[in-house]
Amino acid sequence: MALRIGLTGGVACGKSTVAEMFKAVGAQVLDADAIARELVVPGSPALQAIIAHFGPTFLDEDGGLDRAALRARIFSDPAAKVWLEALLHPLIRASFIAASDALSRRHPQTLLVWVVPLLVENGYRPLLDQILVVDCPRSQQMRRLRARPGWTEDQISAVLAAQCDRATRNAAADWIISNEGSLAELQTQVALYLRHLRGT
């Protein structure tokens, strides 16, 4: 049976970088953000529901979802955030399970990595064999977010507030990778975790 690893961490802690390192060694990586984007492609039932609820101003010029506008809305309107999560999170969870089951049948010995930003908050633990947390200080998260285009201070504060605190997330981990240093140091820690999984 394929091993299912939940990869999580606070925003801008380095989950995507670590996920790419797992891909490089042959792991099958499933990403919640990628699944969410697939769920709201033009013409999809989820996108139709979102536009029916929020209005057509949340479509871009090509008829797709204006993700920046929606992000700004949900982080300024708690009720909107609750509604959107109630729509998408069950669909994302079902997609993870279906894709993992299919991959496990084809590749019984593969390593499955689920990249889930709100893994702890949304109760994914029973679906996984281990939880791996990528961690860094809040000050470092904020510096990285400020360097990203399109992020305002209000949005940074809102997204940090929406995630569980660092101590709670780390307490849920079976293994913690610190991403405070260089890329080489991060690579070394990923290699150490892989050796741990292999029992070597």
Protein backbone atom coordinates (compact mmCIF):
# COMPACT_ATOMS: atom_id res chain seq x y z
CA MET A 1 0.00 0.00 0.00
CA ALA A 2 1.32 3.42 -0.94
CA LEU A 3 2.44 5.61 1.96
CA ARG A 4 0.45 8.85 2.30
CA ILE A 5 2.38 11.83 3.68
CA GLY A 6 0.60 15.08 4.46
CA LEU A 7 2.87 18.05 3.73
CA THR A 8 1.80 21.28 5.38
CA GLY A 9 3.13 24.48 6.89
CA GLY A 10 2.21 28.11 7.28
CA VAL A 11 1.88 30.33 4.23
CA ALA A 12 5.29 31.11 2.67
CA CYS A 13 7.08 28.52 4.80
CA GLY A 14 8.29 26.62 1.72
CA LYS A 15 5.78 23.82 1.10
CA SER A 16 6.01 24.15 -2.70
CA THR A 17 9.80 24.01 -2.65
CA VAL A 18 9.78 20.87 -0.53
CA ALA A 19 7.09 19.34 -2.74
CA GLU A 20 9.35 19.85 -5.79
CA MET A 21 12.14 18.03 -3.94
CA PHE A 22 9.83 15.09 -3.37
CA LYS A 23 8.87 15.08 -7.05
CA ALA A 24 12.56 14.96 -7.96
CA VAL A 25 12.95 11.63 -6.15
CA GLY A 26 9.87 10.09 -7.76
CA ALA A 27 7.14 10.80 -5.23
CA GLN A 28 3.61 11.42 -6.49
CA VAL A 29 2.66 14.92 -5.34
CA LEU A 30 -0.99 16.01 -5.07
CA ASP A 31 -1.53 19.69 -4.30
CA ALA A 32 -4.66 21.19 -2.75
CA ASP A 33 -4.16 24.52 -4.54
CA ALA A 34 -3.80 22.78 -7.91
CA ILE A 35 -6.91 20.71 -7.24
CA ALA A 36 -8.82 23.86 -6.26
CA ARG A 37 -7.82 25.53 -9.54
CA GLU A 38 -9.00 22.49 -11.50
CA LEU A 39 -12.34 22.57 -9.70
CA VAL A 40 -13.08 26.13 -10.83
CA VAL A 41 -12.13 25.99 -14.51
CA PRO A 42 -14.57 27.78 -16.84
CA GLY A 43 -17.85 25.88 -17.11
CA SER A 44 -17.29 23.83 -13.96
CA PRO A 45 -20.14 23.40 -11.47
CA ALA A 46 -18.01 24.90 -8.70
CA LEU A 47 -17.28 28.06 -10.70
CA GLN A 48 -20.93 28.39 -11.63
CA ALA A 49 -21.86 28.16 -7.94
CA ILE A 50 -19.25 30.78 -7.01
CA ILE A 51 -20.48 33.24 -9.65
CA ALA A 52 -24.10 32.63 -8.71
CA HIS A 53 -23.21 33.45 -5.09
CA PHE A 54 -20.74 36.34 -5.51
CA GLY A 55 -21.71 37.75 -8.91
CA PRO A 56 -20.11 37.99 -12.38
CA THR A 57 -17.59 40.63 -11.30
CA PHE A 58 -15.46 37.74 -10.03
CA LEU A 59 -14.86 36.49 -13.57
CA ASP A 60 -11.78 37.62 -15.48
CA GLU A 61 -11.70 38.68 -19.14
CA ASP A 62 -11.36 35.07 -20.31
CA GLY A 63 -14.34 33.80 -18.30
CA GLY A 64 -12.19 32.25 -15.60
CA LEU A 65 -12.20 32.94 -11.90
CA ASP A 66 -10.54 36.20 -10.84
CA ARG A 67 -8.60 34.61 -8.00
CA ALA A 68 -7.06 37.86 -6.73
CA ALA A 69 -10.48 39.51 -6.45
CA LEU A 70 -11.95 36.49 -4.70
CA ARG A 71 -9.00 36.26 -2.31
CA ALA A 72 -9.46 39.92 -1.38
CA ARG A 73 -13.18 39.32 -0.81
CA ILE A 74 -12.90 36.25 1.41
CA PHE A 75 -10.17 37.75 3.56
CA SER A 76 -12.28 40.84 4.19
CA ASP A 77 -15.58 38.98 4.67
CA PRO A 78 -15.55 36.02 7.11
CA ALA A 79 -18.98 34.82 5.98
CA ALA A 80 -17.79 34.69 2.37
CA LYS A 81 -14.76 32.65 3.43
CA VAL A 82 -16.93 30.16 5.33
CA TRP A 83 -19.24 29.78 2.32
CA LEU A 84 -16.39 29.19 -0.12
CA GLU A 85 -14.68 26.66 2.14
CA ALA A 86 -17.95 24.77 2.59
CA LEU A 87 -18.20 24.51 -1.19
CA LEU A 88 -14.62 23.61 -2.08
CA HIS A 89 -13.09 21.71 0.83
CA PRO A 90 -15.26 18.56 0.53
CA LEU A 91 -14.55 18.50 -3.22
CA ILE A 92 -10.81 18.89 -2.65
CA ARG A 93 -10.78 16.12 -0.04
CA ALA A 94 -12.71 13.78 -2.37
CA SER A 95 -10.25 14.53 -5.18
CA PHE A 96 -7.28 13.71 -2.94
CA ILE A 97 -8.81 10.37 -2.00
CA ALA A 98 -9.83 9.41 -5.54
CA ALA A 99 -6.45 10.34 -7.04
CA SER A 100 -4.53 8.56 -4.27
CA ASP A 101 -6.59 5.40 -4.62
CA ALA A 102 -5.97 5.36 -8.38
CA LEU A 103 -2.22 5.94 -7.98
CA SER A 104 -1.98 3.29 -5.25
CA ARG A 105 -3.56 0.70 -7.52
CA ARG A 106 -1.08 1.47 -10.31
CA HIS A 107 1.98 1.99 -8.10
CA PRO A 108 1.49 0.13 -4.78
CA GLN A 109 4.92 1.09 -3.43
CA THR A 110 4.88 4.76 -4.36
CA LEU A 111 5.18 7.65 -1.94
CA LEU A 112 2.12 9.91 -2.07
CA VAL A 113 2.58 13.47 -0.84
CA TRP A 114 -0.52 15.56 -0.17
CA VAL A 115 0.29 19.29 -0.06
CA VAL A 116 -2.46 20.81 2.10
CA PRO A 117 -2.04 24.33 3.55
CA LEU A 118 -4.92 23.87 6.04
CA LEU A 119 -4.23 20.21 6.78
CA VAL A 120 -4.36 20.54 10.57
CA GLU A 121 -7.26 22.99 10.53
CA ASN A 122 -9.40 20.76 8.29
CA GLY A 123 -8.82 17.43 10.02
CA TYR A 124 -6.87 15.49 7.38
CA ARG A 125 -4.97 13.41 9.93
CA PRO A 126 -7.15 10.25 9.70
CA LEU A 127 -6.52 10.08 5.93
CA LEU A 128 -2.73 10.12 6.23
CA ASP A 129 0.10 7.92 7.46
CA GLN A 130 2.31 10.82 8.57
CA ILE A 131 2.26 14.61 8.77
CA LEU A 132 5.34 16.55 7.68
CA VAL A 133 5.46 20.24 8.61
CA VAL A 134 7.68 22.80 6.89
CA ASP A 135 8.32 25.48 9.49
CA CYS A 136 9.81 28.96 9.71
CA PRO A 137 9.30 31.99 11.99
CA ARG A 138 6.34 34.30 11.42
CA SER A 139 8.70 37.19 10.69
CA GLN A 140 10.19 35.21 7.82
CA GLN A 141 6.73 34.36 6.47
CA MET A 142 5.83 38.04 6.43
CA ARG A 143 9.03 39.04 4.62
CA ARG A 144 8.39 36.42 1.93
CA LEU A 145 4.76 37.44 1.48
CA ARG A 146 5.68 41.11 1.16
CA ALA A 147 8.02 40.15 -1.65
CA ARG A 148 5.18 38.51 -3.59
CA PRO A 149 3.32 40.72 -6.08
CA GLY A 150 -0.25 41.68 -5.26
CA TRP A 151 -0.20 41.02 -1.52
CA THR A 152 -1.33 43.87 0.73
CA GLU A 153 -0.60 44.15 4.44
CA ASP A 154 -4.27 43.50 5.20
CA GLN A 155 -4.27 40.33 3.12
CA ILE A 156 -1.05 39.12 4.75
CA SER A 157 -2.53 39.66 8.21
CA ALA A 158 -5.78 37.96 7.21
CA VAL A 159 -4.19 34.85 5.73
CA LEU A 160 -1.89 34.44 8.72
CA ALA A 161 -4.86 34.80 11.06
CA ALA A 162 -6.82 32.17 9.11
CA GLN A 163 -4.16 29.52 9.75
CA CYS A 164 -3.59 27.78 13.05
CA ASP A 165 -0.70 29.04 15.13
CA ARG A 166 2.80 27.69 14.68
CA ALA A 167 2.85 25.72 17.93
CA THR A 168 -0.42 23.93 17.17
CA ARG A 169 0.72 22.98 13.67
CA ASN A 170 4.11 21.75 14.85
CA ALA A 171 2.49 19.73 17.65
CA ALA A 172 0.51 17.81 15.01
CA ALA A 173 3.64 16.87 13.07
CA ASP A 174 5.35 13.50 12.93
CA TRP A 175 8.39 15.29 11.49
CA ILE A 176 9.35 18.97 11.18
CA ILE A 177 11.58 20.49 8.51
CA SER A 178 12.94 23.95 9.31
CA ASN A 179 13.15 26.34 6.36
CA GLU A 180 15.07 29.19 7.93
CA GLY A 181 18.33 28.68 6.08
CA SER A 182 19.59 28.00 2.59
CA LEU A 183 18.12 25.86 -0.17
CA ALA A 184 20.96 23.38 0.35
CA GLU A 185 20.11 23.09 4.04
CA LEU A 186 16.47 22.47 3.14
CA GLN A 187 17.50 19.77 0.65
CA THR A 188 19.59 18.07 3.33
CA GLN A 189 16.62 17.96 5.70
CA VAL A 190 14.35 16.48 3.02
CA ALA A 191 16.98 13.79 2.33
CA LEU A 192 17.15 13.03 6.05
CA TYR A 193 13.38 12.59 6.21
CA LEU A 194 13.42 10.27 3.20
CA ARG A 195 16.09 8.13 4.89
CA HIS A 196 13.86 8.05 7.97
CA LEU A 197 10.95 6.77 5.86
CA ARG A 198 13.14 4.04 4.36
CA GLY A 199 14.41 3.08 7.80
CA THR A 200 18.02 3.72 6.86
